[in-house]
């Protein structure tokens, strides 16, 4: 992040966290910069959210316009689950060249094992 004053500013945030057993992973997305919807959170507020989830370790990834959560459904159709903001336009996604990709088996498959 930039200078130390960034810690006190409200931003959209992206973080990952894991519990002590290593069996639960959280992808934490906080929308922001959208009046009457979500202003964002400070780093301290993000820390509180992570602690309240019960996470043992966490990593603040990025924020701002790149904060986007996308999933592929069972037909590989992509769906945006949050409200990203780019150029002050809600739901507009920022074109970025990197991402964090996670593949997980569907719950039905896991329950059969």
C-alpha atoms as a PDB file:
ATOM      1  CA  UNK A   1       0.000   0.000   0.000  1.00  0.00           C
ATOM      2  CA  UNK A   2       1.023   3.611  -0.207  1.00  0.00           C
ATOM      3  CA  UNK A   3       1.838   5.759   2.799  1.00  0.00           C
ATOM      4  CA  UNK A   4       0.611   5.027   6.324  1.00  0.00           C
ATOM      5  CA  UNK A   5      -2.486   7.230   5.892  1.00  0.00           C
ATOM      6  CA  UNK A   6      -3.868   4.613   3.452  1.00  0.00           C
ATOM      7  CA  UNK A   7      -4.582   2.418   6.482  1.00  0.00           C
ATOM      8  CA  UNK A   8      -7.319   4.821   7.587  1.00  0.00           C
ATOM      9  CA  UNK A   9      -9.032   5.255   4.214  1.00  0.00           C
ATOM     10  CA  UNK A  10     -12.111   3.395   3.028  1.00  0.00           C
ATOM     11  CA  UNK A  11     -11.390   1.212  -0.007  1.00  0.00           C
ATOM     12  CA  UNK A  12     -12.803  -1.824  -1.718  1.00  0.00           C
ATOM     13  CA  UNK A  13     -10.707  -4.722  -0.373  1.00  0.00           C
ATOM     14  CA  UNK A  14      -9.708  -8.227  -1.395  1.00  0.00           C
ATOM     15  CA  UNK A  15      -8.239 -10.658   1.140  1.00  0.00           C
ATOM     16  CA  UNK A  16      -7.752 -14.371   1.679  1.00  0.00           C
ATOM     17  CA  UNK A  17      -7.754 -16.062   5.071  1.00  0.00           C
ATOM     18  CA  UNK A  18      -7.391 -19.585   6.423  1.00  0.00           C
ATOM     19  CA  UNK A  19      -8.313 -21.235   9.705  1.00  0.00           C
ATOM     20  CA  UNK A  20      -5.809 -22.887  12.043  1.00  0.00           C
ATOM     21  CA  UNK A  21      -6.616 -26.407  10.754  1.00  0.00           C
ATOM     22  CA  UNK A  22      -5.948 -25.366   7.163  1.00  0.00           C
ATOM     23  CA  UNK A  23      -9.314 -26.768   6.103  1.00  0.00           C
ATOM     24  CA  UNK A  24     -11.307 -23.546   5.713  1.00  0.00           C
ATOM     25  CA  UNK A  25     -10.333 -20.865   3.219  1.00  0.00           C
ATOM     26  CA  UNK A  26     -12.165 -17.560   3.003  1.00  0.00           C
ATOM     27  CA  UNK A  27     -12.128 -15.257  -0.008  1.00  0.00           C
ATOM     28  CA  UNK A  28     -13.109 -11.883   1.391  1.00  0.00           C
ATOM     29  CA  UNK A  29     -14.378  -9.233  -0.985  1.00  0.00           C
ATOM     30  CA  UNK A  30     -15.605  -5.841   0.231  1.00  0.00           C
ATOM     31  CA  UNK A  31     -17.164  -3.513  -2.307  1.00  0.00           C
ATOM     32  CA  UNK A  32     -16.562   0.202  -1.974  1.00  0.00           C
ATOM     33  CA  UNK A  33     -16.734   3.680  -3.455  1.00  0.00           C
ATOM     34  CA  UNK A  34     -20.479   3.243  -3.996  1.00  0.00           C
ATOM     35  CA  UNK A  35     -22.548   5.637  -1.944  1.00  0.00           C
ATOM     36  CA  UNK A  36     -25.673   4.108  -0.368  1.00  0.00           C
ATOM     37  CA  UNK A  37     -24.339   0.610  -1.192  1.00  0.00           C
ATOM     38  CA  UNK A  38     -20.817   0.168   0.203  1.00  0.00           C
ATOM     39  CA  UNK A  39     -18.232   2.779   1.101  1.00  0.00           C
ATOM     40  CA  UNK A  40     -15.490   0.169   1.626  1.00  0.00           C
ATOM     41  CA  UNK A  41     -13.502  -0.583   4.775  1.00  0.00           C
ATOM     42  CA  UNK A  42     -10.246   0.460   6.416  1.00  0.00           C
ATOM     43  CA  UNK A  43      -7.483  -2.086   6.998  1.00  0.00           C
ATOM     44  CA  UNK A  44      -8.458  -2.157  10.680  1.00  0.00           C
ATOM     45  CA  UNK A  45     -12.073  -2.949   9.770  1.00  0.00           C
ATOM     46  CA  UNK A  46     -10.911  -5.655   7.372  1.00  0.00           C
ATOM     47  CA  UNK A  47      -8.835  -7.140  10.192  1.00  0.00           C
ATOM     48  CA  UNK A  48     -11.905  -7.204  12.446  1.00  0.00           C
ATOM     49  CA  UNK A  49     -13.932  -8.991   9.754  1.00  0.00           C
ATOM     50  CA  UNK A  50     -11.177 -11.593   9.375  1.00  0.00           C
ATOM     51  CA  UNK A  51     -10.927 -12.158  13.128  1.00  0.00           C
ATOM     52  CA  UNK A  52     -14.713 -12.474  13.467  1.00  0.00           C
ATOM     53  CA  UNK A  53     -14.697 -15.203  10.817  1.00  0.00           C
ATOM     54  CA  UNK A  54     -12.286 -17.164  13.010  1.00  0.00           C
ATOM     55  CA  UNK A  55      -9.328 -17.047  10.654  1.00  0.00           C
ATOM     56  CA  UNK A  56      -5.836 -17.762  11.924  1.00  0.00           C
ATOM     57  CA  UNK A  57      -3.852 -16.189   9.061  1.00  0.00           C
ATOM     58  CA  UNK A  58      -4.800 -13.735   6.349  1.00  0.00           C
ATOM     59  CA  UNK A  59      -3.361 -11.744   3.486  1.00  0.00           C
ATOM     60  CA  UNK A  60      -4.665  -8.411   2.184  1.00  0.00           C
ATOM     61  CA  UNK A  61      -4.290  -8.687  -1.583  1.00  0.00           C
ATOM     62  CA  UNK A  62      -5.516  -5.641  -3.419  1.00  0.00           C
ATOM     63  CA  UNK A  63      -8.361  -3.249  -3.465  1.00  0.00           C
ATOM     64  CA  UNK A  64      -9.951  -0.572  -5.521  1.00  0.00           C
ATOM     65  CA  UNK A  65     -11.278  -1.279  -8.970  1.00  0.00           C
ATOM     66  CA  UNK A  66      -9.634  -4.699  -9.151  1.00  0.00           C
ATOM     67  CA  UNK A  67     -11.772  -6.066  -6.301  1.00  0.00           C
ATOM     68  CA  UNK A  68     -13.938  -8.555  -8.181  1.00  0.00           C
ATOM     69  CA  UNK A  69     -15.227 -12.034  -7.323  1.00  0.00           C
ATOM     70  CA  UNK A  70     -16.163 -14.256 -10.255  1.00  0.00           C
ATOM     71  CA  UNK A  71     -17.307 -17.882 -10.206  1.00  0.00           C
ATOM     72  CA  UNK A  72     -17.978 -20.410 -12.935  1.00  0.00           C
ATOM     73  CA  UNK A  73     -21.199 -22.360 -12.510  1.00  0.00           C
ATOM     74  CA  UNK A  74     -21.609 -26.028 -13.442  1.00  0.00           C
ATOM     75  CA  UNK A  75     -21.962 -25.059 -17.118  1.00  0.00           C
ATOM     76  CA  UNK A  76     -18.721 -23.002 -16.987  1.00  0.00           C
ATOM     77  CA  UNK A  77     -20.686 -19.792 -17.314  1.00  0.00           C
ATOM     78  CA  UNK A  78     -18.996 -16.919 -15.465  1.00  0.00           C
ATOM     79  CA  UNK A  79     -20.888 -14.856 -12.911  1.00  0.00           C
ATOM     80  CA  UNK A  80     -19.676 -11.754 -11.038  1.00  0.00           C
ATOM     81  CA  UNK A  81     -20.771 -12.031  -7.394  1.00  0.00           C
ATOM     82  CA  UNK A  82     -19.995  -8.522  -6.208  1.00  0.00           C
ATOM     83  CA  UNK A  83     -20.315  -4.957  -7.481  1.00  0.00           C
ATOM     84  CA  UNK A  84     -16.880  -3.864  -8.713  1.00  0.00           C
ATOM     85  CA  UNK A  85     -16.327  -0.239  -9.629  1.00  0.00           C
ATOM     86  CA  UNK A  86     -14.041   1.232 -12.262  1.00  0.00           C
ATOM     87  CA  UNK A  87     -13.840   4.872 -13.376  1.00  0.00           C
ATOM     88  CA  UNK A  88     -16.595   5.642 -10.821  1.00  0.00           C
ATOM     89  CA  UNK A  89     -19.017   3.361 -12.693  1.00  0.00           C
ATOM     90  CA  UNK A  90     -20.608   0.659 -10.473  1.00  0.00           C
ATOM     91  CA  UNK A  91     -20.492  -2.926 -11.850  1.00  0.00           C
ATOM     92  CA  UNK A  92     -17.825  -1.927 -14.398  1.00  0.00           C
ATOM     93  CA  UNK A  93     -14.860  -4.282 -14.156  1.00  0.00           C
ATOM     94  CA  UNK A  94     -11.248  -3.167 -14.404  1.00  0.00           C
ATOM     95  CA  UNK A  95      -9.229  -4.880 -17.097  1.00  0.00           C
ATOM     96  CA  UNK A  96      -6.412  -6.556 -15.166  1.00  0.00           C
ATOM     97  CA  UNK A  97      -3.845  -9.115 -16.223  1.00  0.00           C
ATOM     98  CA  UNK A  98      -3.659 -11.123 -13.002  1.00  0.00           C
ATOM     99  CA  UNK A  99      -5.976 -13.043 -10.765  1.00  0.00           C
ATOM    100  CA  UNK A 100      -6.136 -15.618  -8.012  1.00  0.00           C
ATOM    101  CA  UNK A 101      -7.769 -18.780  -9.333  1.00  0.00           C
ATOM    102  CA  UNK A 102      -9.083 -21.541  -7.099  1.00  0.00           C
ATOM    103  CA  UNK A 103     -10.569 -24.812  -8.275  1.00  0.00           C
ATOM    104  CA  UNK A 104     -12.771 -26.672  -5.819  1.00  0.00           C
ATOM    105  CA  UNK A 105     -14.852 -29.789  -6.211  1.00  0.00           C
ATOM    106  CA  UNK A 106     -18.603 -29.272  -5.875  1.00  0.00           C
ATOM    107  CA  UNK A 107     -20.020 -30.038  -2.415  1.00  0.00           C
ATOM    108  CA  UNK A 108     -21.989 -32.968  -3.844  1.00  0.00           C
ATOM    109  CA  UNK A 109     -18.743 -34.653  -4.933  1.00  0.00           C
ATOM    110  CA  UNK A 110     -17.062 -34.014  -1.603  1.00  0.00           C
ATOM    111  CA  UNK A 111     -20.018 -35.464   0.317  1.00  0.00           C
ATOM    112  CA  UNK A 112     -19.772 -38.729  -1.660  1.00  0.00           C
ATOM    113  CA  UNK A 113     -16.192 -39.321  -0.553  1.00  0.00           C
END
